[in-house]
Every structure is written in C-alpha cells, then in structure tokens.
Amino acid sequence: MEAFPDNWADIQSDTVYLSINGLLVSFGSEQIKLGLKYDQKGKHLKAIERGLVSPCGNVGLVASQESGYDLKSKVLGKGGDRRFHAKSIDGILHFPGLVTEY
C-alpha cells in the first residue's frame, strides 16, 4: 500500500493509496489530468485524505448527488467551485475522472 500523495504529479493511475484516516483511495488517469489542471495547490487531495465530514462548512468528503457515485471532494475558497466524484469499489474509493462545478 502506497502512502497518500500530497500532489497530483506523484499519483500513479490505479495505484491504491492509504490515507491517514485509513481510507483506501485510487485515481484514474483522467482524474489525475483533471487534478493537475484544476487543483494545483492540492486542496482536493487534502479534502480526500481528510475523509468524511459534515457537508456544512467543512473541507473533506461529502455525499455525491451524481448517479452511480458515492462521495465527492469538497473544498472551500479558491478552487471550491469544483467537486471530484468517486465510486466505492470493493472497499476502495476510486476517482475515475468526473468533475462537476458547484
């Protein structure tokens, strides 16, 4: 199991990473491209690593409203207008590359 990366350039497609709170996470190649494009400061990575949070006023993972997706990253401030969505597959939270604007 790989340690959770703190920037998108260090992420390998479909590698499973272990977050500090024990969450298993993987990223598709499309998600990595979108992360490099829209999340240069790694705010979404920090939110993903933080894990589940209350949806009001917190940075972290919250429920996704997109069909077929379980959770989405939520960040505040600059960059907070986008959400990265993930599916839970066999106990691994996988981010295939769906980004929506809030």
C-alpha atoms as a PDB file:
ATOM      1  CA  MET A   1       0.000   0.000   0.000  1.00  0.00           C
ATOM      2  CA  GLU A   2       1.353   3.391  -1.003  1.00  0.00           C
ATOM      3  CA  ALA A   3       1.341   6.461   1.268  1.00  0.00           C
ATOM      4  CA  PHE A   4      -1.191   9.092   0.216  1.00  0.00           C
ATOM      5  CA  PRO A   5       0.477  11.662  -2.105  1.00  0.00           C
ATOM      6  CA  ASP A   6       0.288  15.405  -1.485  1.00  0.00           C
ATOM      7  CA  ASN A   7       0.401  16.461  -5.131  1.00  0.00           C
ATOM      8  CA  TRP A   8      -1.152  15.186  -8.341  1.00  0.00           C
ATOM      9  CA  ALA A   9       2.179  14.760 -10.150  1.00  0.00           C
ATOM     10  CA  ASP A  10       3.138  11.949  -7.721  1.00  0.00           C
ATOM     11  CA  ILE A  11      -0.034   9.914  -8.321  1.00  0.00           C
ATOM     12  CA  GLN A  12       0.066   6.776 -10.438  1.00  0.00           C
ATOM     13  CA  SER A  13      -3.123   5.699 -12.206  1.00  0.00           C
ATOM     14  CA  ASP A  14      -4.986   2.829 -10.489  1.00  0.00           C
ATOM     15  CA  THR A  15      -2.490   2.569  -7.616  1.00  0.00           C
ATOM     16  CA  VAL A  16      -4.185   2.159  -4.224  1.00  0.00           C
ATOM     17  CA  TYR A  17      -3.149   4.745  -1.642  1.00  0.00           C
ATOM     18  CA  LEU A  18      -3.754   4.673   2.108  1.00  0.00           C
ATOM     19  CA  SER A  19      -4.912   7.956   3.661  1.00  0.00           C
ATOM     20  CA  ILE A  20      -4.020   8.999   7.212  1.00  0.00           C
ATOM     21  CA  ASN A  21      -7.522   8.022   8.373  1.00  0.00           C
ATOM     22  CA  GLY A  22      -7.303   4.526   6.859  1.00  0.00           C
ATOM     23  CA  LEU A  23      -9.280   5.193   3.677  1.00  0.00           C
ATOM     24  CA  LEU A  24      -8.142   3.281   0.574  1.00  0.00           C
ATOM     25  CA  VAL A  25      -8.159   5.570  -2.480  1.00  0.00           C
ATOM     26  CA  SER A  26      -7.284   5.198  -6.169  1.00  0.00           C
ATOM     27  CA  PHE A  27      -7.342   7.575  -9.126  1.00  0.00           C
ATOM     28  CA  GLY A  28      -7.947   7.001 -12.829  1.00  0.00           C
ATOM     29  CA  SER A  29      -5.704   8.643 -15.415  1.00  0.00           C
ATOM     30  CA  GLU A  30      -8.466  11.102 -16.368  1.00  0.00           C
ATOM     31  CA  GLN A  31      -8.823  12.184 -12.723  1.00  0.00           C
ATOM     32  CA  ILE A  32      -5.080  12.776 -12.467  1.00  0.00           C
ATOM     33  CA  LYS A  33      -5.202  15.010 -15.568  1.00  0.00           C
ATOM     34  CA  LEU A  34      -8.126  16.967 -14.099  1.00  0.00           C
ATOM     35  CA  GLY A  35      -6.333  17.282 -10.762  1.00  0.00           C
ATOM     36  CA  LEU A  36      -3.226  18.670 -12.449  1.00  0.00           C
ATOM     37  CA  LYS A  37      -5.400  21.131 -14.371  1.00  0.00           C
ATOM     38  CA  TYR A  38      -7.787  22.322 -11.649  1.00  0.00           C
ATOM     39  CA  ASP A  39      -6.102  21.590  -8.310  1.00  0.00           C
ATOM     40  CA  GLN A  40      -2.534  22.873  -8.468  1.00  0.00           C
ATOM     41  CA  LYS A  41      -2.459  23.539  -4.708  1.00  0.00           C
ATOM     42  CA  GLY A  42      -3.689  20.041  -3.829  1.00  0.00           C
ATOM     43  CA  LYS A  43      -6.762  21.232  -1.915  1.00  0.00           C
ATOM     44  CA  HIS A  44      -8.846  18.338  -3.232  1.00  0.00           C
ATOM     45  CA  LEU A  45      -6.151  15.846  -2.252  1.00  0.00           C
ATOM     46  CA  LYS A  46      -6.195  17.245   1.296  1.00  0.00           C
ATOM     47  CA  ALA A  47     -10.001  17.004   1.325  1.00  0.00           C
ATOM     48  CA  ILE A  48      -9.884  13.397   0.099  1.00  0.00           C
ATOM     49  CA  GLU A  49      -7.290  12.466   2.703  1.00  0.00           C
ATOM     50  CA  ARG A  50      -9.332  14.077   5.468  1.00  0.00           C
ATOM     51  CA  GLY A  51     -12.237  11.732   4.721  1.00  0.00           C
ATOM     52  CA  LEU A  52     -15.929  12.055   5.561  1.00  0.00           C
ATOM     53  CA  VAL A  53     -17.096  15.363   7.033  1.00  0.00           C
ATOM     54  CA  SER A  54     -20.368  17.141   7.717  1.00  0.00           C
ATOM     55  CA  PRO A  55     -21.444  18.903   4.477  1.00  0.00           C
ATOM     56  CA  CYS A  56     -21.784  22.356   6.044  1.00  0.00           C
ATOM     57  CA  GLY A  57     -18.627  24.487   6.135  1.00  0.00           C
ATOM     58  CA  ASN A  58     -16.075  21.661   6.098  1.00  0.00           C
ATOM     59  CA  VAL A  59     -13.297  20.513   3.799  1.00  0.00           C
ATOM     60  CA  GLY A  60     -13.406  16.793   3.098  1.00  0.00           C
ATOM     61  CA  LEU A  61     -15.598  14.149   1.502  1.00  0.00           C
ATOM     62  CA  VAL A  62     -19.376  14.517   1.339  1.00  0.00           C
ATOM     63  CA  ALA A  63     -22.166  12.559  -0.381  1.00  0.00           C
ATOM     64  CA  SER A  64     -22.284  12.822  -4.178  1.00  0.00           C
ATOM     65  CA  GLN A  65     -25.572  13.575  -5.905  1.00  0.00           C
ATOM     66  CA  GLU A  66     -24.321  12.105  -9.195  1.00  0.00           C
ATOM     67  CA  SER A  67     -25.909   8.798 -10.213  1.00  0.00           C
ATOM     68  CA  GLY A  68     -23.528   5.874  -9.646  1.00  0.00           C
ATOM     69  CA  TYR A  69     -21.155   7.883  -7.432  1.00  0.00           C
ATOM     70  CA  ASP A  70     -20.868   7.703  -3.641  1.00  0.00           C
ATOM     71  CA  LEU A  71     -18.733  10.622  -2.450  1.00  0.00           C
ATOM     72  CA  LYS A  72     -17.248  13.872  -3.714  1.00  0.00           C
ATOM     73  CA  SER A  73     -14.436  16.113  -2.551  1.00  0.00           C
ATOM     74  CA  LYS A  74     -15.407  19.480  -1.126  1.00  0.00           C
ATOM     75  CA  VAL A  75     -13.015  22.386  -0.716  1.00  0.00           C
ATOM     76  CA  LEU A  76     -13.594  25.947   0.371  1.00  0.00           C
ATOM     77  CA  GLY A  77     -12.227  29.199  -1.041  1.00  0.00           C
ATOM     78  CA  LYS A  78     -10.329  29.383  -4.330  1.00  0.00           C
ATOM     79  CA  GLY A  79     -10.924  26.180  -6.284  1.00  0.00           C
ATOM     80  CA  GLY A  80     -14.011  25.406  -4.248  1.00  0.00           C
ATOM     81  CA  ASP A  81     -16.330  25.631  -7.238  1.00  0.00           C
ATOM     82  CA  ARG A  82     -15.378  22.123  -8.421  1.00  0.00           C
ATOM     83  CA  ARG A  83     -16.079  18.697  -6.956  1.00  0.00           C
ATOM     84  CA  PHE A  84     -14.255  15.463  -7.777  1.00  0.00           C
ATOM     85  CA  HIS A  85     -16.590  12.440  -7.584  1.00  0.00           C
ATOM     86  CA  ALA A  86     -15.731   8.896  -6.502  1.00  0.00           C
ATOM     87  CA  LYS A  87     -17.228   5.413  -6.522  1.00  0.00           C
ATOM     88  CA  SER A  88     -16.670   2.867  -3.783  1.00  0.00           C
ATOM     89  CA  ILE A  89     -15.453  -0.327  -5.464  1.00  0.00           C
ATOM     90  CA  ASP A  90     -14.560  -3.326  -3.286  1.00  0.00           C
ATOM     91  CA  GLY A  91     -13.691  -1.085  -0.329  1.00  0.00           C
ATOM     92  CA  ILE A  92     -11.569   1.312  -2.400  1.00  0.00           C
ATOM     93  CA  LEU A  93     -12.729   4.850  -3.113  1.00  0.00           C
ATOM     94  CA  HIS A  94     -11.976   5.291  -6.825  1.00  0.00           C
ATOM     95  CA  PHE A  95     -11.923   8.683  -8.556  1.00  0.00           C
ATOM     96  CA  PRO A  96     -12.357   7.885 -12.281  1.00  0.00           C
ATOM     97  CA  GLY A  97     -12.405  11.481 -13.544  1.00  0.00           C
ATOM     98  CA  LEU A  98     -15.837  13.038 -13.032  1.00  0.00           C
ATOM     99  CA  VAL A  99     -15.643  16.705 -12.097  1.00  0.00           C
ATOM    100  CA  THR A 100     -18.683  18.916 -11.601  1.00  0.00           C
ATOM    101  CA  GLU A 101     -18.945  22.612 -10.892  1.00  0.00           C
ATOM    102  CA  TYR A 102     -20.792  23.698  -7.802  1.00  0.00           C
END
